[in-house]
Amino acid sequence: MQLQDILYSQGFGTRRVCAGLVQHGWVEVMDRSAPDPAFRSCRDATEVFAPEGLEFRVQGQLWPYQEKAYVMLHKPAGTECSQKPSTYPSIYTLLPVPLRQRPTKSAVQGVQAVGRLDQDTTGLLLLSDDGQFIHRMSSPKKHVPKVYEVGVKHDLSPDQIEQLLSGVVLDDDPRPVRAAACELVSPRCLHLTLTEGKYHQVKRMLAAVGNRVEALHRSRIGDLALPADLKPGEWRWLSGQDLQKLQMTGL
C-alpha cells in the first residue's frame, strides 16, 4: 500500500494532505529490514509498504498502523458522548485528531462511542470504527455485562437490593428490568451489573426503589476492567489481550 494511502486510512487527512506531509519530510517509517532498525524519513508519498505491523511517526508523533481502531477512554465527569454536544464538552475532543478523522463507510467519520454515558457519569468507555464490534458490544441481545459503582443518597435496605435483582418497572417499558448482579459495598454504595443499556437506566432503577444516585462510575465491560493507571480524560489502544477478554464475554 502506498504511504499516502496508509496515512489516509489512519485519519491524517485527505490523500493530498497526506502526500504533503510526506513531501515535507514530516513522516518517518520504522525500517525493520536494516541491521539496526530505526525510523527513517520518507519523501516519496507513493512508496509502498506492507501496512500490517507498520509503525511510523508523523511530526514526531508515534502511530502504529491499525486496520480497525479499538480504544478505551476513561470518561471524566462533565463531558458528553456526542459529536455535537449541547452543554458540556464532547468526549471526542479528548482524542487525537486522526482517530476523529478516520475514513469510514458511513456518513460519520472517525471512531464512535460504544453506547453512551451521562455527562456526570465517569469510567470505562469503548470507541471504535468497527461497526460489527460496536453492535456486538452494545446490542441488548448479546447480554454483555457492564459493572457500575453506584453511590446513593440514602442507606440501601435489603428490600431495595432484592427489588433491583427481581426487577423494577420503568415508565417506558412494562417489562421488569433486572440487575444481573448487585453487591452491597457499604450502606450507600453498591456494585450493579447490567446487561442492557436503557436511557438513564441505573438512575431510574434506583429511583424506582426509592433511592437516588449521587455518583456513578462504570468500572468494567465484560471481562475488561478500567485500568487503574488510566486517568480521567486519558485514552489508549485496546491490546490483543483486551480484545480477547471482550470476545470471551459470551459474544
Protein backbone atom coordinates (compact mmCIF):
# COMPACT_ATOMS: atom_id res chain seq x y z
CA MET A 1 0.00 0.00 0.00
CA GLN A 2 1.32 3.45 -0.85
CA LEU A 3 2.41 5.54 2.11
CA GLN A 4 -0.10 8.31 1.34
CA ASP A 5 -2.90 5.72 1.35
CA ILE A 6 -1.72 4.32 4.69
CA LEU A 7 -1.75 7.78 6.24
CA TYR A 8 -5.18 8.47 4.76
CA SER A 9 -6.58 5.24 6.21
CA GLN A 10 -5.32 6.25 9.66
CA GLY A 11 -7.07 9.61 9.62
CA PHE A 12 -4.24 12.02 8.80
CA GLY A 13 -6.29 13.90 6.22
CA THR A 14 -7.11 13.66 2.54
CA ARG A 15 -4.69 11.85 0.25
CA ARG A 16 -3.41 15.22 -0.94
CA VAL A 17 -2.79 16.34 2.65
CA CYS A 18 -1.08 13.02 3.41
CA ALA A 19 1.11 13.35 0.33
CA GLY A 20 2.08 16.82 1.51
CA LEU A 21 3.06 15.50 4.94
CA VAL A 22 5.40 13.04 3.28
CA GLN A 23 6.87 15.52 0.80
CA HIS A 24 7.65 17.97 3.61
CA GLY A 25 9.65 15.28 5.39
CA TRP A 26 7.27 15.07 8.34
CA VAL A 27 6.76 11.31 8.10
CA GLU A 28 9.21 8.69 9.35
CA VAL A 29 8.76 4.96 8.95
CA MET A 30 10.33 2.21 11.01
CA ASP A 31 12.76 0.30 8.77
CA ARG A 32 12.89 -3.18 10.25
CA SER A 33 14.98 -4.56 7.39
CA ALA A 34 18.03 -2.53 8.42
CA PRO A 35 20.75 -4.18 10.56
CA ASP A 36 19.91 -1.66 13.28
CA PRO A 37 16.14 -0.99 12.90
CA ALA A 38 15.31 2.67 13.22
CA PHE A 39 12.92 5.29 11.89
CA ARG A 40 13.88 6.77 8.53
CA SER A 41 12.45 9.83 6.84
CA CYS A 42 10.36 9.24 3.71
CA ARG A 43 9.87 11.79 0.92
CA ASP A 44 8.06 9.63 -1.63
CA ALA A 45 4.33 9.50 -0.92
CA THR A 46 3.91 6.62 -3.39
CA GLU A 47 6.49 4.38 -1.71
CA VAL A 48 4.89 1.02 -0.96
CA PHE A 49 4.84 -0.62 2.47
CA ALA A 50 3.14 -3.63 3.99
CA PRO A 51 0.76 -1.88 6.40
CA GLU A 52 0.27 -4.70 8.90
CA GLY A 53 2.55 -4.11 11.89
CA LEU A 54 3.92 -0.89 10.41
CA GLU A 55 5.00 1.84 12.83
CA PHE A 56 5.52 5.41 11.72
CA ARG A 57 5.87 8.91 13.12
CA VAL A 58 4.07 11.99 11.84
CA GLN A 59 5.66 15.24 13.02
CA GLY A 60 7.26 13.24 15.82
CA GLN A 61 4.05 11.52 16.96
CA LEU A 62 4.36 7.73 17.05
CA TRP A 63 1.47 5.94 15.39
CA PRO A 64 1.05 2.17 14.86
CA TYR A 65 -0.96 1.09 11.83
CA GLN A 66 -4.40 -0.20 12.84
CA GLU A 67 -6.71 -1.69 10.21
CA LYS A 68 -9.57 -1.01 12.64
CA ALA A 69 -9.36 1.26 15.66
CA TYR A 70 -10.28 -0.07 19.09
CA VAL A 71 -9.63 2.25 22.03
CA MET A 72 -10.68 2.76 25.62
CA LEU A 73 -11.27 6.11 27.27
CA HIS A 74 -11.58 6.98 30.95
CA LYS A 75 -14.52 9.32 30.60
CA PRO A 76 -14.36 12.24 33.02
CA ALA A 77 -17.39 13.95 34.53
CA GLY A 78 -18.74 16.97 32.72
CA THR A 79 -18.42 15.57 29.19
CA GLU A 80 -20.99 14.40 26.65
CA CYS A 81 -20.80 11.29 24.46
CA SER A 82 -21.88 13.25 21.41
CA GLN A 83 -20.22 14.68 18.32
CA LYS A 84 -22.46 17.72 18.75
CA PRO A 85 -22.73 18.34 22.50
CA SER A 86 -25.45 20.62 23.80
CA THR A 87 -23.97 21.86 27.08
CA TYR A 88 -20.72 20.14 28.05
CA PRO A 89 -17.53 19.42 26.06
CA SER A 90 -17.56 16.37 23.82
CA ILE A 91 -15.56 13.27 24.76
CA TYR A 92 -14.24 13.29 21.19
CA THR A 93 -12.14 16.38 21.96
CA LEU A 94 -10.11 14.13 24.30
CA LEU A 95 -8.97 12.01 21.34
CA PRO A 96 -6.21 12.83 18.83
CA VAL A 97 -7.37 14.24 15.51
CA PRO A 98 -6.51 11.11 13.44
CA LEU A 99 -8.93 9.00 15.49
CA ARG A 100 -11.66 11.56 14.82
CA GLN A 101 -10.89 11.74 11.07
CA ARG A 102 -10.52 8.06 10.19
CA PRO A 103 -12.45 7.42 6.96
CA THR A 104 -15.45 5.11 7.30
CA LYS A 105 -18.14 3.78 5.01
CA SER A 106 -20.81 5.62 7.00
CA ALA A 107 -21.56 9.33 6.80
CA VAL A 108 -19.83 9.91 10.15
CA GLN A 109 -16.04 9.92 10.25
CA GLY A 110 -13.82 8.53 12.94
CA VAL A 111 -14.33 6.28 15.92
CA GLN A 112 -17.72 6.14 17.60
CA ALA A 113 -18.57 5.50 21.25
CA VAL A 114 -19.93 2.06 22.08
CA GLY A 115 -23.05 3.24 23.89
CA ARG A 116 -23.21 6.41 25.94
CA LEU A 117 -22.60 7.54 29.48
CA ASP A 118 -24.40 10.51 31.03
CA GLN A 119 -22.46 13.76 31.32
CA ASP A 120 -21.94 13.24 35.07
CA THR A 121 -21.05 9.54 34.77
CA THR A 122 -17.39 8.56 34.72
CA GLY A 123 -15.48 5.44 33.80
CA LEU A 124 -14.78 2.95 31.05
CA LEU A 125 -15.91 3.86 27.54
CA LEU A 126 -15.02 1.93 24.39
CA LEU A 127 -14.72 3.55 20.95
CA SER A 128 -14.18 2.01 17.52
CA ASP A 129 -14.73 2.41 13.80
CA ASP A 130 -15.67 -1.28 13.51
CA GLY A 131 -19.45 -1.37 13.11
CA GLN A 132 -19.73 -5.08 13.89
CA PHE A 133 -17.74 -4.65 17.10
CA ILE A 134 -19.92 -1.72 18.18
CA HIS A 135 -23.06 -3.76 17.53
CA ARG A 136 -21.78 -6.81 19.42
CA MET A 137 -20.79 -4.76 22.44
CA SER A 138 -23.92 -2.58 22.61
CA SER A 139 -26.75 -4.86 21.49
CA PRO A 140 -29.00 -5.92 24.41
CA LYS A 141 -29.37 -9.31 22.69
CA LYS A 142 -25.68 -10.01 23.35
CA HIS A 143 -26.08 -9.57 27.13
CA VAL A 144 -22.63 -8.03 27.63
CA PRO A 145 -22.34 -7.32 31.38
CA LYS A 146 -21.38 -3.82 32.46
CA VAL A 147 -20.44 -3.12 36.08
CA TYR A 148 -21.25 0.22 37.70
CA GLU A 149 -20.08 1.59 41.02
CA VAL A 150 -23.09 3.44 42.37
CA GLY A 151 -23.17 5.96 45.23
CA VAL A 152 -26.66 6.70 46.55
CA LYS A 153 -28.24 9.35 48.78
CA HIS A 154 -29.86 7.06 51.36
CA ASP A 155 -28.78 3.83 53.04
CA LEU A 156 -29.70 0.83 50.95
CA SER A 157 -32.07 -1.68 52.52
CA PRO A 158 -32.17 -5.43 51.87
CA ASP A 159 -35.59 -4.90 50.31
CA GLN A 160 -34.18 -2.41 47.79
CA ILE A 161 -31.42 -4.84 46.82
CA GLU A 162 -33.99 -7.59 46.36
CA GLN A 163 -36.14 -5.34 44.18
CA LEU A 164 -33.17 -4.49 41.95
CA LEU A 165 -32.43 -8.20 41.49
CA SER A 166 -36.03 -9.33 40.99
CA GLY A 167 -36.91 -6.45 38.67
CA VAL A 168 -38.39 -2.96 38.66
CA VAL A 169 -40.73 -1.38 36.11
CA LEU A 170 -39.55 1.77 34.34
CA ASP A 171 -42.01 4.25 32.88
CA ASP A 172 -41.22 3.48 29.22
CA ASP A 173 -41.30 -0.34 29.40
CA PRO A 174 -43.90 -2.57 31.05
CA ARG A 175 -41.39 -5.39 31.34
CA PRO A 176 -39.45 -5.54 34.63
CA VAL A 177 -35.79 -4.53 34.32
CA ARG A 178 -33.44 -6.59 36.46
CA ALA A 179 -29.88 -6.22 37.63
CA ALA A 180 -27.74 -9.21 36.68
CA ALA A 181 -25.85 -8.82 39.97
CA CYS A 182 -25.92 -6.45 42.90
CA GLU A 183 -23.17 -6.29 45.52
CA LEU A 184 -23.53 -4.04 48.54
CA VAL A 185 -20.14 -2.41 49.25
CA SER A 186 -21.28 -0.06 52.02
CA PRO A 187 -24.65 1.27 53.19
CA ARG A 188 -24.62 3.88 50.42
CA CYS A 189 -22.52 2.20 47.74
CA LEU A 190 -23.17 -0.84 45.57
CA HIS A 191 -21.75 -2.54 42.50
CA LEU A 192 -24.53 -3.03 39.97
CA THR A 193 -24.19 -5.28 36.91
CA LEU A 194 -26.47 -4.69 33.91
CA THR A 195 -26.69 -6.49 30.57
CA GLU A 196 -28.65 -3.81 28.71
CA GLY A 197 -28.33 -0.07 28.44
CA LYS A 198 -31.57 1.84 28.61
CA TYR A 199 -31.64 5.62 28.89
CA HIS A 200 -30.53 6.69 32.40
CA GLN A 201 -31.12 3.08 33.43
CA VAL A 202 -29.14 2.97 36.68
CA LYS A 203 -30.57 6.27 37.92
CA ARG A 204 -34.12 5.25 37.05
CA MET A 205 -33.78 1.81 38.65
CA LEU A 206 -32.57 3.34 41.93
CA ALA A 207 -35.35 5.93 41.79
CA ALA A 208 -37.87 3.12 41.29
CA VAL A 209 -36.83 1.52 44.60
CA GLY A 210 -36.97 4.82 46.48
CA ASN A 211 -33.38 5.98 46.39
CA ARG A 212 -31.29 8.45 44.40
CA VAL A 213 -27.96 8.12 42.55
CA GLU A 214 -25.36 10.61 43.75
CA ALA A 215 -22.32 9.21 41.90
CA LEU A 216 -21.98 6.78 39.01
CA HIS A 217 -18.84 5.16 37.61
CA ARG A 218 -18.53 2.30 35.09
CA SER A 219 -15.62 0.11 36.10
CA ARG A 220 -15.93 -2.90 33.81
CA ILE A 221 -17.32 -4.09 30.48
CA GLY A 222 -17.41 -7.86 30.20
CA ASP A 223 -14.07 -9.15 31.47
CA LEU A 224 -12.31 -5.87 30.69
CA ALA A 225 -11.73 -3.61 33.71
CA LEU A 226 -10.79 0.07 33.58
CA PRO A 227 -7.01 0.13 34.21
CA ALA A 228 -6.04 1.75 37.49
CA ASP A 229 -3.32 3.80 35.75
CA LEU A 230 -5.63 5.27 33.10
CA LYS A 231 -6.53 8.70 34.44
CA PRO A 232 -9.77 10.59 33.68
CA GLY A 233 -9.56 12.06 30.19
CA GLU A 234 -6.84 9.63 29.04
CA TRP A 235 -7.21 7.03 26.28
CA ARG A 236 -5.23 4.08 24.98
CA TRP A 237 -5.38 1.42 22.29
CA LEU A 238 -7.05 -1.83 23.24
CA SER A 239 -4.42 -4.56 23.25
CA GLY A 240 -4.90 -8.00 21.75
CA GLN A 241 -5.43 -9.30 25.27
CA ASP A 242 -8.06 -6.63 25.92
CA LEU A 243 -9.96 -7.62 22.77
CA GLN A 244 -9.72 -11.28 23.71
CA LYS A 245 -11.30 -10.50 27.09
CA LEU A 246 -14.17 -8.78 25.33
CA GLN A 247 -14.59 -11.65 22.88
CA MET A 248 -14.89 -14.05 25.84
CA THR A 249 -17.89 -12.26 27.36
CA GLY A 250 -20.49 -14.50 25.78
CA LEU A 251 -20.46 -12.78 22.40
